[in-house]
C-alpha atoms as a PDB file:
ATOM      1  CA  MET A   1      45.397  97.797  70.116  1.00  0.00           C
ATOM      2  CA  ALA A   2      44.137 101.399  69.399  1.00  0.00           C
ATOM      3  CA  LYS A   3      41.404 103.095  71.134  1.00  0.00           C
ATOM      4  CA  ASP A   4      38.253 102.573  69.308  1.00  0.00           C
ATOM      5  CA  LEU A   5      36.652 106.296  68.560  1.00  0.00           C
ATOM      6  CA  THR A   6      33.258 105.113  68.357  1.00  0.00           C
ATOM      7  CA  ASP A   7      33.567 103.972  72.029  1.00  0.00           C
ATOM      8  CA  TYR A   8      31.438 106.339  74.185  1.00  0.00           C
ATOM      9  CA  SER A   9      31.553 104.517  77.467  1.00  0.00           C
ATOM     10  CA  THR A  10      34.840 106.236  78.498  1.00  0.00           C
ATOM     11  CA  VAL A  11      34.735 109.856  78.950  1.00  0.00           C
ATOM     12  CA  ASP A  12      38.735 110.387  78.324  1.00  0.00           C
ATOM     13  CA  PHE A  13      38.154 112.343  75.283  1.00  0.00           C
ATOM     14  CA  LEU A  14      35.645 115.110  76.890  1.00  0.00           C
ATOM     15  CA  PRO A  15      36.987 118.287  77.919  1.00  0.00           C
ATOM     16  CA  ALA A  16      36.561 118.734  81.757  1.00  0.00           C
ATOM     17  CA  GLU A  17      34.487 121.163  82.503  1.00  0.00           C
ATOM     18  CA  LEU A  18      33.308 122.469  86.205  1.00  0.00           C
ATOM     19  CA  HIS A  19      29.796 121.232  86.793  1.00  0.00           C
ATOM     20  CA  VAL A  20      29.219 121.674  90.215  1.00  0.00           C
ATOM     21  CA  SER A  21      27.722 124.520  92.097  1.00  0.00           C
ATOM     22  CA  CYS A  22      28.608 126.327  96.168  1.00  0.00           C
ATOM     23  CA  GLY A  23      27.318 123.927  98.567  1.00  0.00           C
ATOM     24  CA  GLN A  24      27.387 120.381  96.547  1.00  0.00           C
ATOM     25  CA  VAL A  25      28.490 117.504  98.321  1.00  0.00           C
ATOM     26  CA  LEU A  26      31.406 115.475  96.588  1.00  0.00           C
ATOM     27  CA  MET A  27      33.590 112.443  97.766  1.00  0.00           C
ATOM     28  CA  ASP A  28      36.891 110.872  96.563  1.00  0.00           C
ATOM     29  CA  ARG A  29      37.891 107.601  95.489  1.00  0.00           C
ATOM     30  CA  ARG A  30      38.975 106.564  99.367  1.00  0.00           C
ATOM     31  CA  GLN A  31      35.749 107.827 101.054  1.00  0.00           C
ATOM     32  CA  GLN A  32      36.399 111.141 102.217  1.00  0.00           C
ATOM     33  CA  LEU A  33      33.520 114.096 101.825  1.00  0.00           C
ATOM     34  CA  ALA A  34      34.279 117.461 100.549  1.00  0.00           C
ATOM     35  CA  ILE A  35      32.108 120.157  99.885  1.00  0.00           C
ATOM     36  CA  VAL A  36      32.130 122.934  97.325  1.00  0.00           C
ATOM     37  CA  ALA A  37      32.928 126.742  99.014  1.00  0.00           C
ATOM     38  CA  LYS A  38      34.163 128.553  96.165  1.00  0.00           C
ATOM     39  CA  ARG A  39      33.646 128.132  92.092  1.00  0.00           C
ATOM     40  CA  ASP A  40      34.608 130.301  89.276  1.00  0.00           C
ATOM     41  CA  GLU A  41      35.134 129.715  85.867  1.00  0.00           C
ATOM     42  CA  VAL A  42      38.554 127.990  85.839  1.00  0.00           C
ATOM     43  CA  GLN A  43      38.645 126.356  89.206  1.00  0.00           C
ATOM     44  CA  VAL A  44      37.061 124.992  92.402  1.00  0.00           C
ATOM     45  CA  GLN A  45      37.688 125.406  96.272  1.00  0.00           C
ATOM     46  CA  LEU A  46      37.083 122.712  98.596  1.00  0.00           C
ATOM     47  CA  VAL A  47      36.285 122.060 102.398  1.00  0.00           C
ATOM     48  CA  ARG A  48      38.116 118.809 102.871  1.00  0.00           C
ATOM     49  CA  VAL A  49      40.365 116.766 105.485  1.00  0.00           C
ATOM     50  CA  GLN A  50      43.661 117.216 103.885  1.00  0.00           C
ATOM     51  CA  SER A  51      46.907 116.390 106.429  1.00  0.00           C
ATOM     52  CA  GLY A  52      45.141 115.605 109.467  1.00  0.00           C
ATOM     53  CA  MET A  53      42.910 119.259 109.826  1.00  0.00           C
ATOM     54  CA  LEU A  54      39.977 120.609 107.748  1.00  0.00           C
ATOM     55  CA  ARG A  55      41.669 123.242 104.783  1.00  0.00           C
ATOM     56  CA  LEU A  56      40.590 124.960 101.498  1.00  0.00           C
ATOM     57  CA  THR A  57      42.189 123.388  98.871  1.00  0.00           C
ATOM     58  CA  THR A  58      41.374 124.842  95.021  1.00  0.00           C
ATOM     59  CA  HIS A  59      40.980 121.974  92.168  1.00  0.00           C
ATOM     60  CA  THR A  60      40.897 122.974  88.312  1.00  0.00           C
ATOM     61  CA  ALA A  61      38.037 120.883  86.519  1.00  0.00           C
ATOM     62  CA  GLN A  62      40.382 118.249  85.282  1.00  0.00           C
ATOM     63  CA  GLN A  63      41.349 117.110  88.883  1.00  0.00           C
ATOM     64  CA  LEU A  64      38.040 117.763  90.356  1.00  0.00           C
ATOM     65  CA  VAL A  65      36.817 114.496  87.456  1.00  0.00           C
ATOM     66  CA  ASP A  66      40.004 112.462  87.421  1.00  0.00           C
ATOM     67  CA  GLU A  67      39.394 112.296  91.193  1.00  0.00           C
ATOM     68  CA  TRP A  68      36.256 113.394  92.900  1.00  0.00           C
ATOM     69  CA  SER A  69      32.404 111.921  92.211  1.00  0.00           C
ATOM     70  CA  VAL A  70      29.201 113.440  93.340  1.00  0.00           C
ATOM     71  CA  ALA A  71      27.964 112.084  96.990  1.00  0.00           C
ATOM     72  CA  GLU A  72      24.447 110.521  98.124  1.00  0.00           C
ATOM     73  CA  LEU A  73      24.320 112.894 100.780  1.00  0.00           C
ATOM     74  CA  PRO A  74      22.318 116.036 101.677  1.00  0.00           C
ATOM     75  CA  CYS A  75      24.104 119.290 101.815  1.00  0.00           C
ATOM     76  CA  GLU A  76      23.233 119.992 105.872  1.00  0.00           C
ATOM     77  CA  GLU A  77      24.385 116.904 106.777  1.00  0.00           C
ATOM     78  CA  ALA A  78      27.807 117.371 105.258  1.00  0.00           C
ATOM     79  CA  LEU A  79      27.970 120.463 106.875  1.00  0.00           C
ATOM     80  CA  LEU A  80      27.583 119.238 110.176  1.00  0.00           C
ATOM     81  CA  SER A  81      29.706 116.711 109.188  1.00  0.00           C
ATOM     82  CA  LEU A  82      32.885 118.736 108.411  1.00  0.00           C
ATOM     83  CA  GLN A  83      32.126 120.806 111.467  1.00  0.00           C
ATOM     84  CA  SER A  84      32.634 118.272 113.462  1.00  0.00           C
ATOM     85  CA  LEU A  85      35.681 117.152 111.827  1.00  0.00           C
ATOM     86  CA  GLY A  86      37.231 120.704 112.256  1.00  0.00           C
ATOM     87  CA  LYS A  87      36.548 120.544 115.783  1.00  0.00           C
ATOM     88  CA  GLN A  88      38.176 117.370 116.307  1.00  0.00           C
ATOM     89  CA  LEU A  89      41.326 117.691 114.055  1.00  0.00           C
ATOM     90  CA  GLY A  90      41.343 121.333 114.088  1.00  0.00           C
ATOM     91  CA  ALA A  91      40.736 123.827 110.926  1.00  0.00           C
ATOM     92  CA  THR A  92      42.177 126.588 109.179  1.00  0.00           C
ATOM     93  CA  GLN A  93      40.246 129.880 109.166  1.00  0.00           C
ATOM     94  CA  ALA A  94      39.817 129.797 105.863  1.00  0.00           C
ATOM     95  CA  ALA A  95      37.473 126.640 105.731  1.00  0.00           C
ATOM     96  CA  ARG A  96      36.472 127.500 108.937  1.00  0.00           C
ATOM     97  CA  GLN A  97      35.120 130.640 107.405  1.00  0.00           C
ATOM     98  CA  ALA A  98      33.740 129.093 104.035  1.00  0.00           C
ATOM     99  CA  LEU A  99      31.648 126.639 106.396  1.00  0.00           C
ATOM    100  CA  GLU A 100      30.137 129.262 107.645  1.00  0.00           C
ATOM    101  CA  ARG A 101      29.672 131.243 104.645  1.00  0.00           C
ATOM    102  CA  LEU A 102      27.597 127.565 103.091  1.00  0.00           C
ATOM    103  CA  VAL A 103      25.826 127.780 107.005  1.00  0.00           C
ATOM    104  CA  LYS A 104      24.373 131.448 106.582  1.00  0.00           C
ATOM    105  CA  CYS A 105      23.703 130.568 102.931  1.00  0.00           C
ATOM    106  CA  GLY A 106      20.950 128.352 104.450  1.00  0.00           C
ATOM    107  CA  ARG A 107      19.476 127.233 100.933  1.00  0.00           C
ATOM    108  CA  GLU A 108      20.484 123.391  99.802  1.00  0.00           C
ATOM    109  CA  PRO A 109      22.175 123.535  96.596  1.00  0.00           C
ATOM    110  CA  GLN A 110      21.376 122.305  93.497  1.00  0.00           C
ATOM    111  CA  GLN A 111      23.154 119.074  92.638  1.00  0.00           C
ATOM    112  CA  LYS A 112      25.042 118.689  89.068  1.00  0.00           C
ATOM    113  CA  GLN A 113      26.702 115.745  87.814  1.00  0.00           C
ATOM    114  CA  LEU A 114      30.186 116.168  87.086  1.00  0.00           C
ATOM    115  CA  PHE A 115      29.967 114.538  84.214  1.00  0.00           C
ATOM    116  CA  ALA A 116      27.646 116.752  82.018  1.00  0.00           C
END
């Protein structure tokens, strides 16, 4: 059966774009928390737990759309939670510095939708 070209309930035909801001809180399908530390036109860097440690990871727009969704958690709570995880599990220097920059910023980011 061929795909119905008028079916607008799916978004697989839309090009992926980065509709996130620094400090935005995301969650993957396994309910793991991440926060956007840095972004540019092509990719985004997330602070998240990976391989049992808090790390700074880089993702393309397509990876972000495929694997992550917007979390309903305020930025302050996410920062505290990730800092606590960093103390428990350990964190890379890049991840610690990214969290410190977000804490110093001190303002709640505008939460955007991944599918805009």
